């Protein structure tokens, strides 16, 4: 069994409301799975608060720890858990979306500036779907994904936009 656990209680942007219990929930799930199934600690990857950046979730978590991990054999059980804010935002032009909205998960560094000076956006449901398809193609479809968040828009003083 392998896992990616992402939990964010405290966001870099002060306009994003703090949460309670996300880190505790992810750590508890990781601990239960580790002890019940005797999973080696290196099989699980935990990204919490500052470590749960957009880049870390996509590159370090999905791509490096799961998709390109040579230790994961086809058909191994894979658990992905996210606890933090989710949101909805207007779909970019050309995207077909129910009600013109797409759902996003909010990484720790959302609404901050990257090293290139560009704004960091949430991770759209389509990106997560693409990562899950890549994972299933590489490792099989024995994947469980859980989320602890709602996809209600964040407060009006926190407008969201996304980029592909």
N, C-alpha and C. Protein backbone atom coordinates (compact mmCIF):
# COMPACT_ATOMS: atom_id res chain seq x y z
N UNK A 1 0.85 -1.18 0.00
CA UNK A 1 0.00 0.00 0.00
C UNK A 1 0.89 1.24 0.00
N UNK A 2 0.45 2.24 -0.76
CA UNK A 2 1.15 3.52 -0.84
C UNK A 2 0.12 4.62 -0.67
N UNK A 3 0.57 5.78 -0.22
CA UNK A 3 -0.39 6.86 0.00
C UNK A 3 0.19 8.24 -0.12
N UNK A 4 -0.67 9.16 -0.49
CA UNK A 4 -0.38 10.59 -0.52
C UNK A 4 -1.43 11.26 0.35
N UNK A 5 -0.97 11.96 1.39
CA UNK A 5 -1.87 12.62 2.33
C UNK A 5 -1.55 14.11 2.31
N UNK A 6 -2.55 14.92 2.00
CA UNK A 6 -2.39 16.37 1.87
C UNK A 6 -3.35 17.02 2.87
N UNK A 7 -2.81 17.88 3.73
CA UNK A 7 -3.68 18.51 4.73
C UNK A 7 -3.22 19.93 4.99
N UNK A 8 -4.19 20.83 5.00
CA UNK A 8 -3.86 22.25 5.18
C UNK A 8 -4.86 22.88 6.15
N UNK A 9 -4.34 23.28 7.30
CA UNK A 9 -5.13 24.03 8.28
C UNK A 9 -4.87 25.53 8.15
N UNK A 10 -3.65 25.89 7.80
CA UNK A 10 -3.21 27.28 7.83
C UNK A 10 -2.61 27.63 6.47
N UNK A 11 -3.22 28.58 5.77
CA UNK A 11 -2.80 28.97 4.43
C UNK A 11 -1.87 30.17 4.47
N UNK A 12 -1.03 30.28 3.45
CA UNK A 12 -0.10 31.40 3.34
C UNK A 12 -0.85 32.73 3.22
N UNK A 13 -1.90 32.75 2.42
CA UNK A 13 -2.71 33.96 2.23
C UNK A 13 -3.62 34.14 3.44
N UNK A 14 -3.47 35.25 4.12
CA UNK A 14 -4.25 35.49 5.33
C UNK A 14 -5.75 35.65 5.05
N UNK A 15 -6.12 35.92 3.79
CA UNK A 15 -7.54 36.06 3.44
C UNK A 15 -8.26 34.72 3.40
N UNK A 16 -7.51 33.63 3.34
CA UNK A 16 -8.13 32.30 3.33
C UNK A 16 -8.35 31.88 4.79
N UNK A 17 -9.57 31.62 5.17
CA UNK A 17 -9.85 31.26 6.57
C UNK A 17 -9.08 30.01 7.02
N UNK A 18 -8.61 30.07 8.25
CA UNK A 18 -7.92 28.91 8.83
C UNK A 18 -8.93 27.80 9.10
N UNK A 19 -8.42 26.59 9.07
CA UNK A 19 -9.23 25.42 9.38
C UNK A 19 -8.65 24.73 10.62
N UNK A 20 -9.42 23.82 11.18
CA UNK A 20 -8.93 23.02 12.30
C UNK A 20 -9.21 21.56 12.01
N UNK A 21 -8.25 20.72 12.31
CA UNK A 21 -8.47 19.29 12.23
C UNK A 21 -8.00 18.62 10.95
N UNK A 22 -7.63 19.37 9.94
CA UNK A 22 -7.21 18.75 8.68
C UNK A 22 -5.93 17.95 8.86
N UNK A 23 -4.93 18.56 9.49
CA UNK A 23 -3.66 17.86 9.71
C UNK A 23 -3.87 16.65 10.61
N UNK A 24 -4.68 16.82 11.63
CA UNK A 24 -4.97 15.71 12.54
C UNK A 24 -5.64 14.56 11.81
N UNK A 25 -6.61 14.87 10.95
CA UNK A 25 -7.31 13.82 10.20
C UNK A 25 -6.37 13.07 9.26
N UNK A 26 -5.54 13.79 8.54
CA UNK A 26 -4.61 13.13 7.61
C UNK A 26 -3.61 12.27 8.37
N UNK A 27 -3.08 12.81 9.46
CA UNK A 27 -2.11 12.04 10.25
C UNK A 27 -2.77 10.81 10.86
N UNK A 28 -4.00 10.95 11.34
CA UNK A 28 -4.71 9.81 11.93
C UNK A 28 -4.96 8.72 10.90
N UNK A 29 -5.40 9.10 9.70
CA UNK A 29 -5.63 8.11 8.65
C UNK A 29 -4.32 7.41 8.28
N UNK A 30 -3.27 8.18 8.13
CA UNK A 30 -1.95 7.62 7.81
C UNK A 30 -1.52 6.64 8.91
N UNK A 31 -1.68 7.02 10.16
CA UNK A 31 -1.29 6.15 11.28
C UNK A 31 -2.10 4.86 11.32
N UNK A 32 -3.41 4.96 11.13
CA UNK A 32 -4.26 3.77 11.15
C UNK A 32 -3.86 2.81 10.04
N UNK A 33 -3.71 3.33 8.82
CA UNK A 33 -3.33 2.46 7.70
C UNK A 33 -1.95 1.85 7.91
N UNK A 34 -1.04 2.66 8.43
CA UNK A 34 0.33 2.18 8.67
C UNK A 34 0.35 1.04 9.69
N UNK A 35 -0.37 1.21 10.79
CA UNK A 35 -0.37 0.20 11.85
C UNK A 35 -1.22 -1.02 11.50
N UNK A 36 -2.39 -0.80 10.94
CA UNK A 36 -3.30 -1.91 10.64
C UNK A 36 -2.73 -2.83 9.55
N UNK A 37 -2.09 -2.23 8.56
CA UNK A 37 -1.59 -3.01 7.43
C UNK A 37 -0.06 -3.14 7.43
N UNK A 38 0.59 -2.67 8.49
CA UNK A 38 2.05 -2.78 8.64
C UNK A 38 2.79 -2.22 7.42
N UNK A 39 2.39 -1.02 7.03
CA UNK A 39 2.97 -0.38 5.85
C UNK A 39 4.24 0.37 6.27
N UNK A 40 5.34 0.18 5.55
CA UNK A 40 6.56 0.92 5.85
C UNK A 40 6.32 2.43 5.74
N UNK A 41 6.91 3.22 6.62
CA UNK A 41 6.67 4.68 6.61
C UNK A 41 7.00 5.35 5.28
N UNK A 42 8.00 4.87 4.57
CA UNK A 42 8.37 5.50 3.29
C UNK A 42 7.32 5.31 2.20
N UNK A 43 6.37 4.42 2.41
CA UNK A 43 5.31 4.22 1.41
C UNK A 43 4.28 5.33 1.44
N UNK A 44 4.26 6.09 2.53
CA UNK A 44 3.32 7.19 2.66
C UNK A 44 4.05 8.52 2.58
N UNK A 45 3.41 9.47 1.92
CA UNK A 45 3.98 10.80 1.75
C UNK A 45 2.96 11.80 2.28
N UNK A 46 3.37 12.59 3.28
CA UNK A 46 2.47 13.56 3.93
C UNK A 46 2.93 14.97 3.59
N UNK A 47 2.03 15.75 3.05
CA UNK A 47 2.27 17.17 2.78
C UNK A 47 1.29 17.95 3.65
N UNK A 48 1.82 18.71 4.62
CA UNK A 48 0.95 19.46 5.53
C UNK A 48 1.35 20.93 5.53
N UNK A 49 0.34 21.78 5.59
CA UNK A 49 0.51 23.24 5.63
C UNK A 49 1.58 23.70 4.64
N UNK A 50 2.69 24.30 5.11
CA UNK A 50 3.70 24.91 4.24
C UNK A 50 4.24 23.97 3.18
N UNK A 51 4.25 22.70 3.47
CA UNK A 51 4.79 21.73 2.51
C UNK A 51 3.78 21.39 1.42
N UNK A 52 2.51 21.76 1.60
CA UNK A 52 1.45 21.40 0.65
C UNK A 52 1.25 22.49 -0.41
N UNK A 53 2.34 22.87 -1.06
CA UNK A 53 2.26 23.87 -2.12
C UNK A 53 1.70 23.24 -3.39
N UNK A 54 1.32 24.07 -4.31
CA UNK A 54 0.79 23.58 -5.59
C UNK A 54 1.82 22.67 -6.26
N UNK A 55 3.05 23.14 -6.33
CA UNK A 55 4.12 22.36 -6.96
C UNK A 55 4.35 21.04 -6.22
N UNK A 56 4.39 21.09 -4.90
CA UNK A 56 4.65 19.89 -4.12
C UNK A 56 3.53 18.85 -4.30
N UNK A 57 2.29 19.30 -4.35
CA UNK A 57 1.17 18.37 -4.53
C UNK A 57 1.28 17.67 -5.89
N UNK A 58 1.49 18.46 -6.94
CA UNK A 58 1.51 17.90 -8.30
C UNK A 58 2.80 17.15 -8.59
N UNK A 59 3.95 17.77 -8.35
CA UNK A 59 5.24 17.18 -8.73
C UNK A 59 5.72 16.17 -7.69
N UNK A 60 5.90 16.62 -6.45
CA UNK A 60 6.46 15.73 -5.42
C UNK A 60 5.49 14.62 -5.03
N UNK A 61 4.23 14.97 -4.87
CA UNK A 61 3.24 14.00 -4.42
C UNK A 61 2.78 13.06 -5.52
N UNK A 62 2.05 13.62 -6.49
CA UNK A 62 1.50 12.76 -7.54
C UNK A 62 2.57 12.18 -8.46
N UNK A 63 3.38 13.04 -9.06
CA UNK A 63 4.30 12.54 -10.07
C UNK A 63 5.45 11.72 -9.48
N UNK A 64 6.17 12.27 -8.50
CA UNK A 64 7.35 11.57 -7.98
C UNK A 64 6.99 10.43 -7.02
N UNK A 65 6.14 10.71 -6.04
CA UNK A 65 5.86 9.67 -5.04
C UNK A 65 4.94 8.57 -5.56
N UNK A 66 4.04 8.90 -6.48
CA UNK A 66 3.09 7.90 -6.94
C UNK A 66 3.36 7.45 -8.38
N UNK A 67 3.18 8.31 -9.36
CA UNK A 67 3.22 7.90 -10.77
C UNK A 67 4.58 7.33 -11.17
N UNK A 68 5.67 7.98 -10.80
CA UNK A 68 7.01 7.55 -11.22
C UNK A 68 7.74 6.72 -10.17
N UNK A 69 7.06 6.27 -9.16
CA UNK A 69 7.67 5.50 -8.07
C UNK A 69 7.88 4.05 -8.51
N UNK A 70 9.14 3.65 -8.66
CA UNK A 70 9.46 2.30 -9.10
C UNK A 70 9.11 1.21 -8.11
N UNK A 71 8.88 1.57 -6.86
CA UNK A 71 8.51 0.57 -5.85
C UNK A 71 7.04 0.18 -5.92
N UNK A 72 6.22 1.04 -6.51
CA UNK A 72 4.80 0.73 -6.63
C UNK A 72 4.61 -0.19 -7.83
N UNK A 73 4.05 -1.36 -7.55
CA UNK A 73 3.78 -2.33 -8.61
C UNK A 73 2.34 -2.16 -9.10
N UNK A 74 2.12 -2.52 -10.33
CA UNK A 74 0.77 -2.44 -10.90
C UNK A 74 -0.20 -3.23 -10.02
N UNK A 75 -1.27 -2.59 -9.60
CA UNK A 75 -2.28 -3.24 -8.77
C UNK A 75 -2.10 -3.00 -7.28
N UNK A 76 -0.96 -2.42 -6.85
CA UNK A 76 -0.81 -2.09 -5.43
C UNK A 76 -1.90 -1.10 -5.02
N UNK A 77 -2.34 -1.20 -3.79
CA UNK A 77 -3.34 -0.26 -3.27
C UNK A 77 -2.71 1.11 -3.09
N UNK A 78 -3.43 2.14 -3.53
CA UNK A 78 -2.96 3.52 -3.41
C UNK A 78 -4.09 4.34 -2.79
N UNK A 79 -3.74 5.09 -1.74
CA UNK A 79 -4.70 5.95 -1.05
C UNK A 79 -4.26 7.40 -1.23
N UNK A 80 -5.20 8.24 -1.63
CA UNK A 80 -4.95 9.67 -1.74
C UNK A 80 -5.98 10.38 -0.90
N UNK A 81 -5.52 11.24 0.02
CA UNK A 81 -6.43 11.94 0.93
C UNK A 81 -6.09 13.41 0.93
N UNK A 82 -7.10 14.26 0.76
CA UNK A 82 -6.93 15.71 0.82
C UNK A 82 -7.88 16.27 1.87
N UNK A 83 -7.35 17.08 2.77
CA UNK A 83 -8.18 17.81 3.73
C UNK A 83 -7.74 19.27 3.71
N UNK A 84 -8.64 20.13 3.37
CA UNK A 84 -8.34 21.56 3.28
C UNK A 84 -9.49 22.24 2.55
N UNK A 85 -9.26 23.49 2.16
CA UNK A 85 -10.29 24.22 1.43
C UNK A 85 -10.40 23.72 0.00
N UNK A 86 -11.63 23.69 -0.48
CA UNK A 86 -11.91 23.52 -1.89
C UNK A 86 -12.70 24.74 -2.31
N UNK A 87 -12.82 24.97 -3.59
CA UNK A 87 -13.57 26.12 -4.05
C UNK A 87 -14.15 25.87 -5.42
N UNK A 88 -14.93 26.80 -5.87
CA UNK A 88 -15.45 26.83 -7.23
C UNK A 88 -15.05 28.16 -7.82
N UNK A 89 -14.77 28.14 -9.11
CA UNK A 89 -14.44 29.37 -9.80
C UNK A 89 -14.95 29.29 -11.23
N UNK A 90 -15.04 30.42 -11.88
CA UNK A 90 -15.50 30.43 -13.27
C UNK A 90 -14.56 29.61 -14.14
N UNK A 91 -15.15 28.82 -15.01
CA UNK A 91 -14.35 28.03 -15.95
C UNK A 91 -13.69 28.96 -16.96
N UNK A 92 -12.45 28.67 -17.32
CA UNK A 92 -11.80 29.48 -18.35
C UNK A 92 -12.56 29.38 -19.68
N UNK A 93 -12.39 30.36 -20.53
CA UNK A 93 -13.02 30.34 -21.85
C UNK A 93 -12.65 29.05 -22.58
N UNK A 94 -13.66 28.42 -23.17
CA UNK A 94 -13.42 27.21 -23.93
C UNK A 94 -13.60 25.93 -23.13
N UNK A 95 -13.69 26.02 -21.82
CA UNK A 95 -13.90 24.83 -20.99
C UNK A 95 -15.40 24.58 -20.88
N UNK A 96 -15.82 23.34 -21.07
CA UNK A 96 -17.19 22.96 -20.83
C UNK A 96 -17.29 22.56 -19.37
N UNK A 97 -18.19 23.21 -18.64
CA UNK A 97 -18.31 22.94 -17.21
C UNK A 97 -19.74 23.15 -16.78
N UNK A 98 -20.22 22.30 -15.87
CA UNK A 98 -21.57 22.44 -15.33
C UNK A 98 -21.72 23.81 -14.69
N UNK A 99 -22.70 24.55 -15.13
CA UNK A 99 -22.96 25.87 -14.56
C UNK A 99 -21.83 26.86 -14.79
N UNK A 100 -20.91 26.53 -15.71
CA UNK A 100 -19.81 27.45 -16.00
C UNK A 100 -18.76 27.51 -14.90
N UNK A 101 -18.79 26.56 -13.96
CA UNK A 101 -17.86 26.56 -12.83
C UNK A 101 -16.99 25.31 -12.84
N UNK A 102 -15.79 25.43 -12.34
CA UNK A 102 -14.93 24.28 -12.08
C UNK A 102 -14.60 24.29 -10.59
N UNK A 103 -14.36 23.09 -10.07
CA UNK A 103 -13.99 22.96 -8.67
C UNK A 103 -12.48 22.87 -8.56
N UNK A 104 -11.95 23.41 -7.49
CA UNK A 104 -10.51 23.38 -7.25
C UNK A 104 -10.24 22.93 -5.82
N UNK A 105 -9.05 22.37 -5.62
CA UNK A 105 -8.55 22.23 -4.26
C UNK A 105 -7.56 23.37 -4.07
N UNK A 106 -7.49 23.87 -2.86
CA UNK A 106 -6.67 25.04 -2.58
C UNK A 106 -5.34 24.62 -1.94
N UNK A 107 -4.23 24.77 -2.65
CA UNK A 107 -2.93 24.47 -2.06
C UNK A 107 -2.54 25.56 -1.05
N UNK A 108 -1.56 25.28 -0.23
CA UNK A 108 -1.10 26.21 0.80
C UNK A 108 -0.78 27.59 0.22
N UNK A 109 -0.13 27.63 -0.95
CA UNK A 109 0.38 28.88 -1.50
C UNK A 109 -0.57 29.56 -2.48
N UNK A 110 -1.82 29.13 -2.52
CA UNK A 110 -2.77 29.78 -3.42
C UNK A 110 -2.85 31.27 -3.12
N UNK A 111 -2.95 32.05 -4.21
CA UNK A 111 -3.04 33.52 -4.18
C UNK A 111 -1.75 34.21 -3.77
N UNK A 112 -0.66 33.46 -3.66
CA UNK A 112 0.64 34.10 -3.44
C UNK A 112 1.35 34.16 -4.78
N UNK A 113 2.52 34.75 -4.81
CA UNK A 113 3.30 34.86 -6.05
C UNK A 113 4.37 33.79 -6.07
N UNK A 114 4.54 33.16 -7.22
CA UNK A 114 5.59 32.18 -7.41
C UNK A 114 6.92 32.87 -7.64
N UNK A 115 7.98 32.09 -7.76
CA UNK A 115 9.32 32.65 -8.00
C UNK A 115 9.38 33.44 -9.30
N UNK A 116 8.49 33.11 -10.22
CA UNK A 116 8.44 33.82 -11.50
C UNK A 116 7.59 35.08 -11.43
N UNK A 117 7.04 35.38 -10.24
CA UNK A 117 6.22 36.57 -10.06
C UNK A 117 4.76 36.39 -10.44
N UNK A 118 4.41 35.21 -10.93
CA UNK A 118 3.02 34.95 -11.33
C UNK A 118 2.22 34.42 -10.15
N UNK A 119 0.92 34.73 -10.18
CA UNK A 119 0.03 34.29 -9.12
C UNK A 119 -0.16 32.76 -9.16
N UNK A 120 -0.21 32.15 -7.99
CA UNK A 120 -0.44 30.71 -7.87
C UNK A 120 -1.92 30.49 -7.64
N UNK A 121 -2.49 29.58 -8.44
CA UNK A 121 -3.92 29.32 -8.40
C UNK A 121 -4.22 27.95 -7.82
N UNK A 122 -5.49 27.70 -7.53
CA UNK A 122 -5.93 26.40 -7.06
C UNK A 122 -5.72 25.34 -8.13
N UNK A 123 -5.85 24.09 -7.73
CA UNK A 123 -5.67 22.97 -8.66
C UNK A 123 -7.05 22.52 -9.12
N UNK A 124 -7.36 22.71 -10.41
CA UNK A 124 -8.69 22.38 -10.93
C UNK A 124 -8.98 20.88 -10.89
N UNK A 125 -10.27 20.58 -10.82
CA UNK A 125 -10.69 19.17 -10.84
C UNK A 125 -10.17 18.45 -12.08
N UNK A 126 -10.05 19.13 -13.18
CA UNK A 126 -9.54 18.50 -14.41
C UNK A 126 -8.08 18.11 -14.26
N UNK A 127 -7.31 18.91 -13.57
CA UNK A 127 -5.90 18.57 -13.33
C UNK A 127 -5.81 17.34 -12.44
N UNK A 128 -6.60 17.32 -11.37
CA UNK A 128 -6.62 16.15 -10.48
C UNK A 128 -7.05 14.92 -11.27
N UNK A 129 -8.07 15.06 -12.11
CA UNK A 129 -8.53 13.95 -12.94
C UNK A 129 -7.44 13.44 -13.87
N UNK A 130 -6.70 14.35 -14.47
CA UNK A 130 -5.59 13.96 -15.35
C UNK A 130 -4.49 13.23 -14.60
N UNK A 131 -4.18 13.71 -13.39
CA UNK A 131 -3.17 13.04 -12.58
C UNK A 131 -3.63 11.64 -12.17
N UNK A 132 -4.91 11.50 -11.83
CA UNK A 132 -5.45 10.19 -11.47
C UNK A 132 -5.45 9.23 -12.67
N UNK A 133 -5.75 9.76 -13.86
CA UNK A 133 -5.69 8.92 -15.07
C UNK A 133 -4.27 8.46 -15.35
N UNK A 134 -3.31 9.36 -15.20
CA UNK A 134 -1.89 9.00 -15.39
C UNK A 134 -1.47 7.95 -14.37
N UNK A 135 -1.90 8.12 -13.14
CA UNK A 135 -1.58 7.15 -12.09
C UNK A 135 -2.19 5.79 -12.40
N UNK A 136 -3.45 5.76 -12.79
CA UNK A 136 -4.11 4.50 -13.11
C UNK A 136 -3.46 3.82 -14.31
N UNK A 137 -3.05 4.59 -15.29
CA UNK A 137 -2.37 4.02 -16.46
C UNK A 137 -1.03 3.40 -16.05
N UNK A 138 -0.30 4.07 -15.19
CA UNK A 138 1.03 3.60 -14.78
C UNK A 138 0.98 2.48 -13.75
N UNK A 139 0.04 2.54 -12.81
CA UNK A 139 0.07 1.62 -11.67
C UNK A 139 -1.18 0.77 -11.49
N UNK A 140 -2.18 0.97 -12.31
CA UNK A 140 -3.43 0.23 -12.15
C UNK A 140 -4.45 1.08 -11.44
N UNK A 141 -5.67 0.56 -11.36
CA UNK A 141 -6.78 1.37 -10.84
C UNK A 141 -7.20 1.00 -9.42
N UNK A 142 -6.30 0.45 -8.64
CA UNK A 142 -6.61 0.13 -7.24
C UNK A 142 -6.34 1.38 -6.39
N UNK A 143 -7.12 2.41 -6.65
CA UNK A 143 -6.89 3.74 -6.07
C UNK A 143 -8.13 4.17 -5.29
N UNK A 144 -7.91 4.64 -4.07
CA UNK A 144 -8.99 5.22 -3.27
C UNK A 144 -8.63 6.68 -3.03
N UNK A 145 -9.59 7.57 -3.32
CA UNK A 145 -9.36 9.00 -3.11
C UNK A 145 -10.42 9.52 -2.16
N UNK A 146 -9.98 10.21 -1.13
CA UNK A 146 -10.90 10.81 -0.18
C UNK A 146 -10.61 12.28 -0.01
N UNK A 147 -11.66 13.05 0.20
CA UNK A 147 -11.48 14.48 0.47
C UNK A 147 -12.31 14.87 1.68
N UNK A 148 -11.79 15.81 2.41
CA UNK A 148 -12.51 16.41 3.54
C UNK A 148 -12.53 17.90 3.29
N UNK A 149 -13.47 18.32 2.47
CA UNK A 149 -13.61 19.74 2.17
C UNK A 149 -14.93 19.95 1.46
N UNK A 150 -15.34 21.20 1.39
CA UNK A 150 -16.48 21.53 0.56
C UNK A 150 -15.96 22.34 -0.61
N UNK A 151 -16.72 22.40 -1.66
CA UNK A 151 -16.31 23.16 -2.82
C UNK A 151 -17.16 24.41 -2.96
N UNK A 152 -17.47 25.02 -1.83
CA UNK A 152 -18.19 26.29 -1.83
C UNK A 152 -17.19 27.39 -2.15
N UNK A 153 -17.64 28.40 -2.84
CA UNK A 153 -16.72 29.50 -3.11
C UNK A 153 -16.19 30.10 -1.82
N UNK A 154 -14.94 30.54 -1.86
CA UNK A 154 -14.35 31.21 -0.71
C UNK A 154 -14.97 32.61 -0.60
N UNK A 155 -14.74 33.31 0.50
CA UNK A 155 -15.36 34.61 0.71
C UNK A 155 -15.13 35.58 -0.46
N UNK A 156 -16.06 36.54 -0.61
CA UNK A 156 -15.98 37.50 -1.70
C UNK A 156 -14.67 38.28 -1.72
N UNK A 157 -14.07 38.48 -0.57
CA UNK A 157 -12.81 39.23 -0.54
C UNK A 157 -11.63 38.35 -0.96
N UNK A 158 -11.94 37.15 -1.45
CA UNK A 158 -10.91 36.22 -1.89
C UNK A 158 -11.29 35.66 -3.25
N UNK A 159 -11.26 36.50 -4.30
CA UNK A 159 -11.65 36.01 -5.63
C UNK A 159 -10.64 34.98 -6.14
N UNK A 160 -11.15 33.96 -6.82
CA UNK A 160 -10.28 32.92 -7.37
C UNK A 160 -10.35 32.92 -8.87
N UNK A 161 -9.24 32.69 -9.48
CA UNK A 161 -9.14 32.46 -10.91
C UNK A 161 -8.24 31.25 -11.07
N UNK A 162 -8.37 30.55 -12.19
CA UNK A 162 -7.49 29.39 -12.39
C UNK A 162 -6.83 29.49 -13.75
N UNK A 163 -5.76 28.77 -13.88
CA UNK A 163 -5.06 28.63 -15.15
C UNK A 163 -4.88 27.14 -15.39
N UNK A 164 -4.81 26.74 -16.62
CA UNK A 164 -4.59 25.34 -16.95
C UNK A 164 -3.20 24.94 -16.52
